[in-house]
């Protein structure tokens, strides 16, 4: 898997952790919502970064804004390419919760959705490396047409 930001490729630095003891050992930690409360015990620094993995079916918890400043990445996994809920989650994270970090799409997404992901607030996508050329072509061929008004 690779990460695309526009047409730039990078590797995924974040490592999924499942035990709180791992947080101190790993520089780029990717946690799920069940571990979110653990973030209050840790300070962010230039050497330690936290990412949160959400799914299409995830709902933002009431006190989510308490943790958002500690997150440098939120990854939303599309459970199906037909599911539009991650687009709404992304827009809410950007507009309502004012999330300024990296917002990444992963999972069952199609290259044709790349432009719409960017317009809803996603800053990167995690894809199979074999698909990179197709994703970049679609990104570069965006005619700029919009069906919705911003």
Protein backbone atom coordinates (compact mmCIF):
# COMPACT_ATOMS: atom_id res chain seq x y z
CA UNK A 1 0.00 0.00 0.00
CA UNK A 2 1.07 3.56 -0.71
CA UNK A 3 -0.28 6.95 0.25
CA UNK A 4 -1.12 9.53 -2.41
CA UNK A 5 -1.36 13.24 -1.65
CA UNK A 6 -2.46 14.78 -4.91
CA UNK A 7 0.04 13.20 -7.30
CA UNK A 8 2.80 12.74 -4.70
CA UNK A 9 3.50 9.26 -3.39
CA UNK A 10 4.68 8.46 0.12
CA UNK A 11 4.84 5.51 2.46
CA UNK A 12 2.43 5.05 5.35
CA UNK A 13 4.38 5.89 8.51
CA UNK A 14 1.56 4.99 10.91
CA UNK A 15 1.51 1.61 12.63
CA UNK A 16 -1.68 0.10 13.99
CA UNK A 17 -1.37 -0.55 17.70
CA UNK A 18 -3.69 -2.60 19.86
CA UNK A 19 -2.09 -2.33 23.30
CA UNK A 20 -1.52 0.86 25.24
CA UNK A 21 2.03 -0.26 26.14
CA UNK A 22 2.95 0.08 22.46
CA UNK A 23 2.22 3.82 22.38
CA UNK A 24 5.56 4.78 23.95
CA UNK A 25 7.51 2.46 21.63
CA UNK A 26 6.11 3.61 18.28
CA UNK A 27 6.63 7.11 16.85
CA UNK A 28 3.58 7.07 14.53
CA UNK A 29 0.69 5.33 16.31
CA UNK A 30 -2.61 4.49 14.63
CA UNK A 31 -5.31 3.71 17.18
CA UNK A 32 -9.01 2.96 16.97
CA UNK A 33 -11.85 4.73 18.77
CA UNK A 34 -11.72 2.27 21.68
CA UNK A 35 -8.25 3.55 22.59
CA UNK A 36 -9.07 7.25 22.14
CA UNK A 37 -9.41 7.87 25.87
CA UNK A 38 -5.79 6.77 26.30
CA UNK A 39 -4.61 9.88 24.43
CA UNK A 40 -5.34 12.04 27.46
CA UNK A 41 -2.38 10.34 29.18
CA UNK A 42 0.10 11.31 26.46
CA UNK A 43 1.44 14.60 25.23
CA UNK A 44 2.03 15.13 21.55
CA UNK A 45 5.53 16.14 20.56
CA UNK A 46 7.66 16.59 17.49
CA UNK A 47 8.77 12.98 17.92
CA UNK A 48 5.43 11.29 18.60
CA UNK A 49 2.32 11.37 16.42
CA UNK A 50 -1.16 9.92 16.87
CA UNK A 51 -3.53 8.80 14.17
CA UNK A 52 -7.10 7.57 14.59
CA UNK A 53 -8.70 4.88 12.41
CA UNK A 54 -12.43 5.31 11.76
CA UNK A 55 -14.78 3.24 9.61
CA UNK A 56 -17.80 4.08 7.46
CA UNK A 57 -20.01 2.88 10.30
CA UNK A 58 -18.20 4.97 12.94
CA UNK A 59 -19.97 7.84 14.57
CA UNK A 60 -18.12 10.74 16.09
CA UNK A 61 -18.44 10.49 19.85
CA UNK A 62 -19.77 13.41 21.86
CA UNK A 63 -16.44 14.38 23.39
CA UNK A 64 -14.43 13.85 20.18
CA UNK A 65 -13.38 17.50 20.12
CA UNK A 66 -11.48 16.89 23.39
CA UNK A 67 -9.03 14.64 21.50
CA UNK A 68 -8.82 16.25 18.07
CA UNK A 69 -5.89 18.52 18.93
CA UNK A 70 -3.75 15.45 19.77
CA UNK A 71 -4.35 13.83 16.38
CA UNK A 72 -2.11 14.43 13.38
CA UNK A 73 -3.99 11.93 11.19
CA UNK A 74 -7.51 10.58 10.92
CA UNK A 75 -7.93 7.67 8.53
CA UNK A 76 -11.45 6.78 7.45
CA UNK A 77 -11.88 3.36 5.91
CA UNK A 78 -14.62 2.99 3.33
CA UNK A 79 -16.32 -0.34 3.96
CA UNK A 80 -17.93 -0.19 0.49
CA UNK A 81 -17.32 2.12 -2.47
CA UNK A 82 -21.11 2.73 -2.52
CA UNK A 83 -21.10 4.09 1.04
CA UNK A 84 -21.14 7.89 1.22
CA UNK A 85 -20.91 8.24 5.00
CA UNK A 86 -17.11 8.84 5.04
CA UNK A 87 -17.63 11.89 2.81
CA UNK A 88 -19.94 13.35 5.47
CA UNK A 89 -17.60 12.39 8.31
CA UNK A 90 -14.72 14.13 6.50
CA UNK A 91 -16.73 17.28 5.88
CA UNK A 92 -17.85 17.36 9.54
CA UNK A 93 -14.28 16.89 10.77
CA UNK A 94 -13.09 19.81 8.67
CA UNK A 95 -16.01 22.23 9.02
CA UNK A 96 -17.53 21.51 12.43
CA UNK A 97 -14.58 20.17 14.44
CA UNK A 98 -11.98 22.25 12.56
CA UNK A 99 -9.56 19.33 12.13
CA UNK A 100 -6.39 20.64 10.48
CA UNK A 101 -4.34 17.43 10.29
CA UNK A 102 -4.09 14.84 7.55
CA UNK A 103 -7.40 13.24 6.64
CA UNK A 104 -6.84 9.95 4.79
CA UNK A 105 -9.26 7.71 2.88
CA UNK A 106 -8.66 3.97 2.69
CA UNK A 107 -10.52 0.76 1.97
CA UNK A 108 -13.07 0.21 -0.80
CA UNK A 109 -12.69 3.38 -2.84
CA UNK A 110 -12.56 3.81 -6.58
CA UNK A 111 -10.13 6.01 -8.51
CA UNK A 112 -13.16 7.88 -9.91
CA UNK A 113 -13.90 9.08 -6.37
CA UNK A 114 -10.48 10.74 -5.90
CA UNK A 115 -11.56 14.26 -6.84
CA UNK A 116 -14.67 14.05 -4.65
CA UNK A 117 -12.55 12.85 -1.73
CA UNK A 118 -10.33 15.92 -2.10
CA UNK A 119 -13.33 18.24 -2.32
CA UNK A 120 -14.81 16.84 0.90
CA UNK A 121 -11.64 17.46 2.87
CA UNK A 122 -9.51 14.35 2.43
CA UNK A 123 -5.85 15.19 2.01
CA UNK A 124 -4.58 11.70 1.09
CA UNK A 125 -5.65 8.21 0.03
CA UNK A 126 -4.16 4.82 0.82
CA UNK A 127 -4.22 2.60 -2.27
CA UNK A 128 -2.57 -0.46 -3.80
CA UNK A 129 0.65 0.54 -5.52
CA UNK A 130 -0.46 -1.10 -8.80
CA UNK A 131 -3.31 1.43 -9.05
CA UNK A 132 -1.14 4.53 -8.65
CA UNK A 133 -0.98 5.40 -12.36
CA UNK A 134 -4.78 5.28 -12.73
CA UNK A 135 -5.36 7.43 -9.63
CA UNK A 136 -2.86 10.05 -10.78
CA UNK A 137 -4.35 10.16 -14.30
CA UNK A 138 -7.82 10.76 -12.89
CA UNK A 139 -6.50 13.45 -10.55
CA UNK A 140 -4.67 15.22 -13.38
CA UNK A 141 -7.68 15.02 -15.73
CA UNK A 142 -10.13 16.71 -13.37
CA UNK A 143 -12.09 19.21 -15.47
CA UNK A 144 -13.07 21.18 -12.37
CA UNK A 145 -16.80 20.65 -12.87
CA UNK A 146 -18.91 20.70 -9.73
CA UNK A 147 -22.46 19.49 -9.32
CA UNK A 148 -22.84 20.95 -5.85
CA UNK A 149 -22.27 24.50 -4.71
CA UNK A 150 -19.63 24.95 -1.99
